[in-house]
Amino acid sequence: MGFLISAVVILIIFSAFFSSSETSMMSLNRYRLKHLVRKGHKGAIKANELLKQPDKLIGVILIGNNFVNLLAASLATIIASHYFGEIGPAIATAVLTIVVLIFAEVTPKTIAAIYPEKVAFPFAYILKPIQVLLSPVVWLVNTITRALLKLLRIDIENTQQEYLSREELRTVVHESGGLIPRHRQGMLLNILDLEKVTVNDIIVPRNEVTGIDIEDDLTTIVEQLSASQHTRLPVYKEELNNVIGILHTRNAARFLTNKELSKAHILQETREPYFVPESTPLHTQLFNFQHQKRRMALVVDEYGDVQGIVTLEDILEEIVGEFTTDMWSSSLDIHPQEDGSFYIDGMATIREVNRALNWSLPTDGPKTLNGLILEHLESIPSASVGIKIHNYLVEIIQIKDNQIKTAKITSTEEENPASPPPTETK
């Protein structure tokens, strides 16, 4: 009897092995596993080989687990019958059920779920030879299983590949916790959002573009170059649509000291203009800048008219954030008031306002604050009016040339964090 009792104990240990193997293998993080495989981790390589054929792996584990459990139950029945007679099988069933549940199922599976790599990687070395040994039985079981699945019209050959969507990847970044610093999480999320943002969303509008009109006199041009805070300036004739080229102010130093300076010297240092469509996604434009060896482009609409400019710096700011720590304090378009509201220039872009004040004004329509207000009013106001756009109270302060020049905006998001109400006018 002592031999049979020892055999039952060994079989329970084997049952725990198969149970923990199944849980640990199925709990492995597939992306971390692939990372470890690329690094040459031997245990990861073995586990990855087994997981490439999950039907065979599960077949081996279930066959082994059921075999040892049934054999342990048979031996336990013999032992219990020897000691307790006719009620022995009932006692064996009750005791073995509790023992298997605790020591061969719940405990090993819990450990495997908590430490899947520590369990799966060493066990993979044992499972591989068992898989080879039981391959005929596994083949028979899998053949029958596949036939049943085929009758149920389940095609296991065309199962969906395990890929992460953009939104799932965003969740992975959010759930990374302390593994990725918060500012780097923001950068990764901004990169994922580049496909949803176009050049038109971050454009510097043409009325704000600083350039050189070649028709101006030389004195004016030299003064403008000397006082310019920009690295690159478009050179045009009378208006921005007639762009001649792009002048790097570094190159301007070559002719500014020339006593015989002429407009020909300026034109000689310009580089041919680079045009991009306003609908170009930012991730595409980023690669275009890299390919073209450019840092600034002129943005044109569907009719070929210049709408403004976009720079490499603008795109980088979409990824890493603004290069100033306090955006609204340095912005010429946003002026804080003592009552907590802000006076904002009507031509300020909505994305700029949202980014500076951490607001959530709608960005799926007009690009400027003036356009957003006019869209909701559905007319050009003749006097100052107030409206409510989502969770923001907007009061028009100044109107000029059929444009809203200044608006006073107060956020009510903290007071009403619920879903945005419909637009109202008063």
Protein backbone atom coordinates (compact mmCIF):
# COMPACT_ATOMS: atom_id res chain seq x y z
CA MET A 1 0.00 0.00 0.00
CA GLY A 2 2.89 2.35 0.69
CA PHE A 3 3.96 2.10 -2.96
CA LEU A 4 0.44 2.95 -4.17
CA ILE A 5 0.21 5.94 -1.81
CA SER A 6 3.57 7.21 -3.10
CA ALA A 7 2.34 6.75 -6.67
CA VAL A 8 -0.79 8.80 -5.95
CA VAL A 9 1.34 11.63 -4.49
CA ILE A 10 3.59 11.59 -7.56
CA LEU A 11 0.57 11.62 -9.88
CA ILE A 12 -0.86 14.65 -8.03
CA ILE A 13 2.47 16.42 -8.52
CA PHE A 14 2.29 15.63 -12.24
CA SER A 15 -1.29 16.92 -12.29
CA ALA A 16 -0.11 20.17 -10.71
CA PHE A 17 2.62 20.35 -13.35
CA PHE A 18 0.17 20.06 -16.24
CA SER A 19 -2.33 22.48 -14.64
CA SER A 20 0.29 25.17 -13.99
CA SER A 21 1.79 24.62 -17.46
CA GLU A 22 -1.52 25.35 -19.14
CA THR A 23 -2.19 28.52 -17.11
CA SER A 24 1.36 29.88 -17.40
CA MET A 25 1.59 29.28 -21.15
CA MET A 26 -1.75 30.94 -21.82
CA SER A 27 -0.93 33.84 -19.47
CA LEU A 28 2.33 34.82 -21.16
CA ASN A 29 2.42 38.32 -22.58
CA ARG A 30 2.87 37.64 -26.30
CA TYR A 31 4.65 40.93 -26.97
CA ARG A 32 7.09 40.54 -24.09
CA LEU A 33 7.63 36.93 -25.22
CA LYS A 34 8.58 38.09 -28.71
CA HIS A 35 10.90 40.68 -27.17
CA LEU A 36 12.67 38.00 -25.10
CA VAL A 37 12.91 35.73 -28.14
CA ARG A 38 14.68 38.51 -30.07
CA LYS A 39 17.08 38.87 -27.13
CA GLY A 40 17.87 35.14 -27.34
CA HIS A 41 16.25 33.97 -24.07
CA LYS A 42 16.34 30.17 -24.33
CA GLY A 43 13.27 29.52 -22.19
CA ALA A 44 11.29 32.11 -24.16
CA ILE A 45 12.38 30.50 -27.43
CA LYS A 46 11.15 27.08 -26.24
CA ALA A 47 7.84 28.51 -25.02
CA ASN A 48 7.36 30.44 -28.27
CA GLU A 49 7.90 27.26 -30.31
CA LEU A 50 5.20 25.48 -28.30
CA LEU A 51 2.76 28.39 -28.62
CA LYS A 52 3.13 28.45 -32.40
CA GLN A 53 0.95 25.30 -32.39
CA PRO A 54 -1.49 25.96 -29.54
CA ASP A 55 -3.78 23.07 -30.48
CA LYS A 56 -0.94 20.56 -30.03
CA LEU A 57 0.20 22.21 -26.80
CA ILE A 58 -3.27 22.16 -25.28
CA GLY A 59 -3.73 18.58 -26.48
CA VAL A 60 -0.55 17.42 -24.75
CA ILE A 61 -1.42 19.21 -21.50
CA LEU A 62 -5.01 17.95 -21.38
CA ILE A 63 -4.08 14.38 -22.31
CA GLY A 64 -1.36 14.31 -19.65
CA ASN A 65 -3.55 15.96 -17.04
CA ASN A 66 -6.53 13.69 -17.59
CA PHE A 67 -4.33 10.59 -17.68
CA VAL A 68 -2.64 11.28 -14.33
CA ASN A 69 -5.91 12.36 -12.69
CA LEU A 70 -7.76 9.22 -13.79
CA LEU A 71 -4.85 7.00 -12.78
CA ALA A 72 -4.63 8.74 -9.40
CA ALA A 73 -8.38 8.25 -8.91
CA SER A 74 -8.08 4.51 -9.71
CA LEU A 75 -5.18 4.01 -7.31
CA ALA A 76 -6.92 6.05 -4.59
CA THR A 77 -10.01 3.84 -4.97
CA ILE A 78 -7.90 0.70 -4.52
CA ILE A 79 -6.23 2.15 -1.41
CA ALA A 80 -9.53 3.32 0.12
CA SER A 81 -11.21 -0.05 -0.58
CA HIS A 82 -8.36 -1.82 1.19
CA TYR A 83 -8.72 0.27 4.33
CA PHE A 84 -12.46 1.10 4.41
CA GLY A 85 -14.12 -1.68 2.49
CA GLU A 86 -17.30 -0.95 0.57
CA ILE A 87 -17.43 2.75 1.45
CA GLY A 88 -13.85 3.17 0.30
CA PRO A 89 -14.67 4.41 -3.25
CA ALA A 90 -16.91 7.17 -1.84
CA ILE A 91 -14.25 8.24 0.64
CA ALA A 92 -11.58 8.14 -2.08
CA THR A 93 -13.71 10.32 -4.37
CA ALA A 94 -14.36 12.94 -1.67
CA VAL A 95 -10.78 13.10 -0.37
CA LEU A 96 -9.12 12.99 -3.79
CA THR A 97 -11.42 15.71 -5.12
CA ILE A 98 -10.40 18.07 -2.31
CA VAL A 99 -6.70 17.16 -2.62
CA VAL A 100 -6.65 17.59 -6.41
CA LEU A 101 -8.63 20.82 -6.25
CA ILE A 102 -6.25 22.39 -3.71
CA PHE A 103 -2.86 20.94 -4.61
CA ALA A 104 -3.22 20.17 -8.32
CA GLU A 105 -5.57 22.90 -9.57
CA VAL A 106 -6.17 26.09 -7.59
CA THR A 107 -2.75 26.53 -5.94
CA PRO A 108 -0.52 25.73 -8.97
CA LYS A 109 -2.75 27.68 -11.37
CA THR A 110 -2.75 30.71 -9.07
CA ILE A 111 1.04 30.64 -8.84
CA ALA A 112 1.30 30.22 -12.62
CA ALA A 113 -1.05 33.15 -13.23
CA ILE A 114 1.02 35.40 -10.93
CA TYR A 115 4.43 34.30 -12.27
CA PRO A 116 3.77 33.03 -15.80
CA GLU A 117 7.32 33.48 -17.08
CA LYS A 118 8.96 31.82 -14.07
CA VAL A 119 6.70 28.78 -14.53
CA ALA A 120 6.34 28.57 -18.31
CA PHE A 121 9.99 28.97 -19.36
CA PRO A 122 11.46 26.05 -17.35
CA PHE A 123 8.38 23.87 -17.93
CA ALA A 124 8.75 24.39 -21.69
CA TYR A 125 11.87 22.19 -21.60
CA ILE A 126 9.77 19.34 -20.14
CA LEU A 127 6.69 19.84 -22.31
CA LYS A 128 8.65 19.64 -25.56
CA PRO A 129 9.79 15.98 -25.15
CA ILE A 130 6.36 15.03 -23.77
CA GLN A 131 4.82 16.52 -26.90
CA VAL A 132 7.10 14.39 -29.07
CA LEU A 133 6.34 11.28 -26.99
CA LEU A 134 2.57 11.76 -27.15
CA SER A 135 2.50 13.02 -30.74
CA PRO A 136 0.49 10.01 -32.11
CA VAL A 137 -2.19 10.43 -29.45
CA VAL A 138 -2.19 14.22 -29.88
CA TRP A 139 -2.55 13.81 -33.66
CA LEU A 140 -5.54 11.49 -33.23
CA VAL A 141 -7.26 13.78 -30.73
CA ASN A 142 -6.61 16.91 -32.83
CA THR A 143 -7.86 15.20 -36.00
CA ILE A 144 -11.15 14.34 -34.32
CA THR A 145 -11.37 17.85 -32.82
CA ARG A 146 -10.76 19.52 -36.19
CA ALA A 147 -13.46 17.37 -37.77
CA LEU A 148 -15.94 18.44 -35.10
CA LEU A 149 -14.98 22.10 -35.56
CA LYS A 150 -15.44 21.74 -39.30
CA LEU A 151 -18.94 20.38 -38.75
CA LEU A 152 -19.63 23.46 -36.63
CA ARG A 153 -18.26 25.62 -39.51
CA ILE A 154 -15.45 27.05 -37.39
CA ASP A 155 -12.38 27.78 -39.51
CA ILE A 156 -9.35 27.64 -37.23
CA GLU A 157 -6.93 28.21 -40.13
CA ASN A 158 -8.12 31.79 -40.66
CA THR A 159 -8.10 32.92 -37.07
CA GLN A 160 -7.44 36.61 -36.60
CA GLN A 161 -3.83 37.60 -36.01
CA GLU A 162 -3.00 39.18 -32.68
CA TYR A 163 -2.33 42.79 -33.60
CA LEU A 164 -2.83 45.91 -31.54
CA SER A 165 -5.06 48.63 -32.90
CA ARG A 166 -4.21 52.28 -32.34
CA GLU A 167 -6.71 52.58 -29.49
CA GLU A 168 -5.43 49.36 -27.87
CA LEU A 169 -1.88 50.70 -28.13
CA ARG A 170 -3.05 53.91 -26.44
CA THR A 171 -4.41 51.77 -23.60
CA VAL A 172 -1.08 49.94 -23.32
CA VAL A 173 0.71 53.29 -23.00
CA HIS A 174 -1.79 54.49 -20.37
CA GLU A 175 -1.44 51.26 -18.41
CA SER A 176 2.36 51.33 -18.46
CA GLY A 177 2.29 53.23 -15.18
CA GLY A 178 5.72 54.09 -13.81
CA LEU A 179 7.51 52.10 -16.50
CA ILE A 180 7.18 55.09 -18.85
CA PRO A 181 7.41 58.64 -17.40
CA ARG A 182 4.28 60.70 -17.83
CA HIS A 183 5.81 63.18 -20.29
CA ARG A 184 7.04 60.32 -22.46
CA GLN A 185 3.59 58.76 -22.35
CA GLY A 186 2.26 62.05 -23.69
CA MET A 187 4.82 62.00 -26.50
CA LEU A 188 3.89 58.45 -27.50
CA LEU A 189 0.19 59.31 -27.49
CA ASN A 190 0.85 62.43 -29.56
CA ILE A 191 2.70 60.33 -32.13
CA LEU A 192 -0.30 58.02 -32.37
CA ASP A 193 -2.51 61.07 -32.96
CA LEU A 194 -0.41 62.46 -35.82
CA GLU A 195 -2.45 60.50 -38.36
CA LYS A 196 -5.62 62.27 -37.21
CA VAL A 197 -4.13 65.76 -37.50
CA THR A 198 -3.52 67.49 -40.83
CA VAL A 199 -1.27 70.36 -41.85
CA ASN A 200 -4.33 72.63 -41.90
CA ASP A 201 -4.77 72.04 -38.15
CA ILE A 202 -1.43 73.61 -37.22
CA ILE A 203 -1.01 76.08 -40.08
CA VAL A 204 0.27 79.61 -39.45
CA PRO A 205 -2.41 81.57 -41.39
CA ARG A 206 -1.23 83.83 -44.19
CA ASN A 207 -2.25 87.01 -42.37
CA GLU A 208 0.26 86.10 -39.63
CA VAL A 209 3.09 85.10 -41.96
CA THR A 210 6.13 87.34 -41.85
CA GLY A 211 7.85 87.63 -45.22
CA ILE A 212 9.78 89.92 -47.52
CA ASP A 213 8.03 91.79 -50.28
CA ILE A 214 10.68 92.16 -52.97
CA GLU A 215 8.81 95.21 -54.24
CA ASP A 216 9.69 97.13 -51.07
CA ASP A 217 12.71 99.43 -51.14
CA LEU A 218 16.07 98.01 -50.05
CA THR A 219 16.17 100.01 -46.82
CA THR A 220 12.90 98.51 -45.64
CA ILE A 221 14.02 95.00 -46.59
CA VAL A 222 17.36 95.37 -44.78
CA GLU A 223 15.64 96.67 -41.65
CA GLN A 224 13.19 93.79 -41.78
CA LEU A 225 15.99 91.24 -42.12
CA SER A 226 17.98 92.81 -39.31
CA ALA A 227 15.01 92.79 -36.92
CA SER A 228 13.57 89.41 -37.94
CA GLN A 229 13.13 86.80 -35.21
CA HIS A 230 12.53 84.04 -37.73
CA THR A 231 15.16 81.78 -39.26
CA ARG A 232 13.44 81.45 -42.63
CA LEU A 233 11.36 84.04 -44.46
CA PRO A 234 9.30 83.66 -47.65
CA VAL A 235 10.23 86.14 -50.35
CA TYR A 236 7.27 87.19 -52.50
CA LYS A 237 6.17 89.82 -54.97
CA GLU A 238 3.34 92.02 -53.67
CA GLU A 239 1.40 89.12 -52.11
CA LEU A 240 2.11 85.70 -50.63
CA ASN A 241 0.56 83.88 -53.60
CA ASN A 242 3.45 85.18 -55.71
CA VAL A 243 6.19 83.46 -53.74
CA ILE A 244 9.63 83.66 -55.29
CA GLY A 245 11.57 81.61 -52.76
CA ILE A 246 12.58 81.03 -49.14
CA LEU A 247 15.43 83.04 -47.63
CA HIS A 248 17.46 81.70 -44.70
CA THR A 249 18.50 84.65 -42.51
CA ARG A 250 21.88 83.01 -42.02
CA ASN A 251 22.51 83.47 -45.74
CA ALA A 252 21.40 87.09 -45.47
CA ALA A 253 24.61 87.85 -43.60
CA ARG A 254 26.49 87.33 -46.85
CA PHE A 255 24.96 90.39 -48.49
CA LEU A 256 23.84 92.65 -45.63
CA THR A 257 27.36 94.03 -45.29
CA ASN A 258 27.71 94.48 -49.05
CA LYS A 259 27.85 98.18 -49.89
CA GLU A 260 26.59 97.43 -53.39
CA LEU A 261 23.60 95.46 -52.12
CA SER A 262 20.82 94.91 -54.64
CA LYS A 263 17.65 92.88 -54.80
CA ALA A 264 19.48 90.50 -57.10
CA HIS A 265 21.74 89.53 -54.18
CA ILE A 266 18.66 88.70 -52.11
CA LEU A 267 17.07 86.60 -54.84
CA GLN A 268 20.35 84.81 -55.40
CA GLU A 269 20.33 83.52 -51.82
CA THR A 270 16.73 82.31 -51.87
CA ARG A 271 15.79 78.67 -52.25
CA GLU A 272 12.89 77.53 -54.39
CA PRO A 273 9.62 77.38 -52.42
CA TYR A 274 8.21 74.09 -51.18
CA PHE A 275 4.43 73.68 -51.39
CA VAL A 276 2.26 71.12 -49.57
CA PRO A 277 -1.52 70.47 -49.64
CA GLU A 278 -3.44 71.59 -46.57
CA SER A 279 -4.96 68.11 -46.13
CA THR A 280 -1.59 66.35 -45.68
CA PRO A 281 -1.50 64.29 -42.44
CA LEU A 282 1.20 65.40 -40.04
CA HIS A 283 2.98 62.04 -39.93
CA THR A 284 3.28 62.17 -43.74
CA GLN A 285 4.51 65.76 -43.71
CA LEU A 286 7.10 64.92 -41.08
CA PHE A 287 8.63 62.30 -43.39
CA ASN A 288 8.30 64.69 -46.34
CA PHE A 289 10.33 67.31 -44.48
CA GLN A 290 12.96 64.68 -43.79
CA HIS A 291 13.03 63.48 -47.40
CA GLN A 292 13.08 66.98 -48.90
CA LYS A 293 15.62 68.26 -46.34
CA ARG A 294 13.25 71.13 -45.54
CA ARG A 295 12.08 72.86 -42.39
CA MET A 296 9.33 75.09 -43.77
CA ALA A 297 6.61 74.66 -46.38
CA LEU A 298 3.95 76.85 -47.92
CA VAL A 299 0.47 75.38 -47.47
CA VAL A 300 -1.92 75.62 -50.43
CA ASP A 301 -5.62 74.82 -50.75
CA GLU A 302 -7.34 72.88 -53.52
CA TYR A 303 -7.23 75.95 -55.77
CA GLY A 304 -3.49 76.45 -55.34
CA ASP A 305 -3.81 79.60 -53.22
CA VAL A 306 -1.33 79.94 -50.35
CA GLN A 307 -3.14 79.63 -47.02
CA GLY A 308 -0.13 79.95 -44.74
CA ILE A 309 3.00 78.11 -43.72
CA VAL A 310 3.90 75.04 -41.66
CA THR A 311 7.28 74.38 -40.12
CA LEU A 312 9.09 71.35 -38.77
CA GLU A 313 8.99 72.98 -35.35
CA ASP A 314 5.18 73.09 -35.48
CA ILE A 315 5.03 69.34 -36.03
CA LEU A 316 7.60 68.59 -33.33
CA GLU A 317 5.55 70.66 -30.90
CA GLU A 318 2.58 68.39 -31.63
CA ILE A 319 4.73 65.50 -30.36
CA VAL A 320 6.80 66.91 -27.50
CA GLY A 321 4.58 69.86 -26.58
CA GLU A 322 5.28 73.54 -26.66
CA PHE A 323 8.84 74.68 -26.09
CA THR A 324 7.61 77.16 -23.46
CA THR A 325 6.51 76.01 -20.02
CA ASP A 326 3.65 78.50 -19.69
CA MET A 327 1.99 78.90 -23.03
CA TRP A 328 -0.81 81.33 -22.28
CA SER A 329 1.52 83.71 -20.46
CA SER A 330 3.75 83.96 -23.55
CA SER A 331 0.97 83.94 -26.13
CA LEU A 332 0.02 87.24 -27.73
CA ASP A 333 -3.47 85.87 -28.46
CA ILE A 334 -4.49 84.81 -24.94
CA HIS A 335 -4.84 87.30 -22.07
CA PRO A 336 -5.95 86.08 -18.61
CA GLN A 337 -8.38 88.17 -16.57
CA GLU A 338 -8.79 88.51 -12.83
CA ASP A 339 -12.19 86.80 -12.85
CA GLY A 340 -10.71 83.63 -14.35
CA SER A 341 -11.82 84.32 -17.91
CA PHE A 342 -9.57 84.92 -20.91
CA TYR A 343 -9.58 87.51 -23.66
CA ILE A 344 -8.63 85.59 -26.81
CA ASP A 345 -7.87 86.87 -30.29
CA GLY A 346 -10.44 85.67 -32.83
CA MET A 347 -7.73 84.43 -35.22
CA ALA A 348 -6.15 82.19 -32.58
CA THR A 349 -6.38 78.55 -33.60
CA ILE A 350 -8.58 76.30 -31.51
CA ARG A 351 -5.80 73.76 -31.10
CA GLU A 352 -3.53 76.50 -29.75
CA VAL A 353 -6.17 77.59 -27.24
CA ASN A 354 -6.91 74.02 -26.15
CA ARG A 355 -3.23 73.22 -25.73
CA ALA A 356 -2.45 76.44 -23.87
CA LEU A 357 -5.39 76.33 -21.45
CA ASN A 358 -5.98 72.57 -21.34
CA TRP A 359 -9.47 73.08 -22.74
CA SER A 360 -11.53 70.89 -25.02
CA LEU A 361 -13.13 73.25 -27.53
CA PRO A 362 -14.34 71.25 -30.59
CA THR A 363 -11.67 70.85 -33.26
CA ASP A 364 -13.58 68.82 -35.85
CA GLY A 365 -14.86 71.91 -37.67
CA PRO A 366 -13.43 75.44 -38.01
CA LYS A 367 -9.77 75.87 -37.15
CA THR A 368 -9.91 79.36 -35.60
CA LEU A 369 -11.90 80.78 -32.72
CA ASN A 370 -13.54 83.28 -35.09
CA GLY A 371 -14.69 80.45 -37.35
CA LEU A 372 -15.99 78.39 -34.42
CA ILE A 373 -18.09 81.24 -33.05
CA LEU A 374 -19.49 82.19 -36.48
CA GLU A 375 -20.38 78.55 -37.16
CA HIS A 376 -22.46 78.41 -34.00
CA LEU A 377 -24.03 81.83 -34.55
CA GLU A 378 -24.73 81.01 -38.23
CA SER A 379 -24.41 84.72 -39.00
CA ILE A 380 -22.04 87.64 -38.58
CA PRO A 381 -23.16 89.54 -35.48
CA SER A 382 -23.68 93.29 -35.69
CA ALA A 383 -23.15 93.78 -31.97
CA SER A 384 -21.60 92.00 -29.02
CA VAL A 385 -23.48 88.84 -28.09
CA GLY A 386 -22.89 85.88 -25.81
CA ILE A 387 -23.16 82.18 -26.63
CA LYS A 388 -22.47 78.89 -24.94
CA ILE A 389 -20.29 76.39 -26.81
CA HIS A 390 -20.22 73.09 -24.94
CA ASN A 391 -18.86 73.96 -21.48
CA TYR A 392 -17.57 77.42 -22.41
CA LEU A 393 -19.28 80.79 -22.10
CA VAL A 394 -18.25 83.04 -24.98
CA GLU A 395 -18.82 86.79 -25.06
CA ILE A 396 -17.92 88.69 -28.21
CA ILE A 397 -15.96 91.80 -27.29
CA GLN A 398 -14.82 93.27 -30.60
CA ILE A 399 -15.99 92.90 -34.21
CA LYS A 400 -14.09 94.36 -37.14
CA ASP A 401 -14.18 93.76 -40.90
CA ASN A 402 -16.82 91.03 -40.53
CA GLN A 403 -14.53 89.15 -38.16
CA ILE A 404 -14.59 88.57 -34.45
CA LYS A 405 -11.38 90.21 -33.30
CA THR A 406 -11.64 89.51 -29.57
CA ALA A 407 -13.79 87.20 -27.45
CA LYS A 408 -14.04 86.69 -23.72
CA ILE A 409 -14.27 83.01 -22.78
CA THR A 410 -14.96 81.43 -19.41
CA SER A 411 -14.69 77.69 -18.84
CA THR A 412 -17.43 75.96 -16.83
CA GLU A 413 -16.03 72.44 -17.15
CA GLU A 414 -15.39 71.99 -13.41
CA GLU A 415 -18.91 73.09 -12.62
CA ASN A 416 -20.47 70.88 -15.26
CA PRO A 417 -18.17 67.98 -16.16
CA ALA A 418 -20.98 66.01 -17.74
CA SER A 419 -21.39 65.53 -21.46
CA PRO A 420 -21.44 68.78 -23.44
CA PRO A 421 -24.86 70.39 -23.74
CA PRO A 422 -26.11 71.65 -27.07
CA THR A 423 -25.03 75.08 -28.23
CA GLU A 424 -27.21 77.88 -26.94
CA THR A 425 -27.44 81.57 -27.77
CA LYS A 426 -28.73 84.41 -25.72
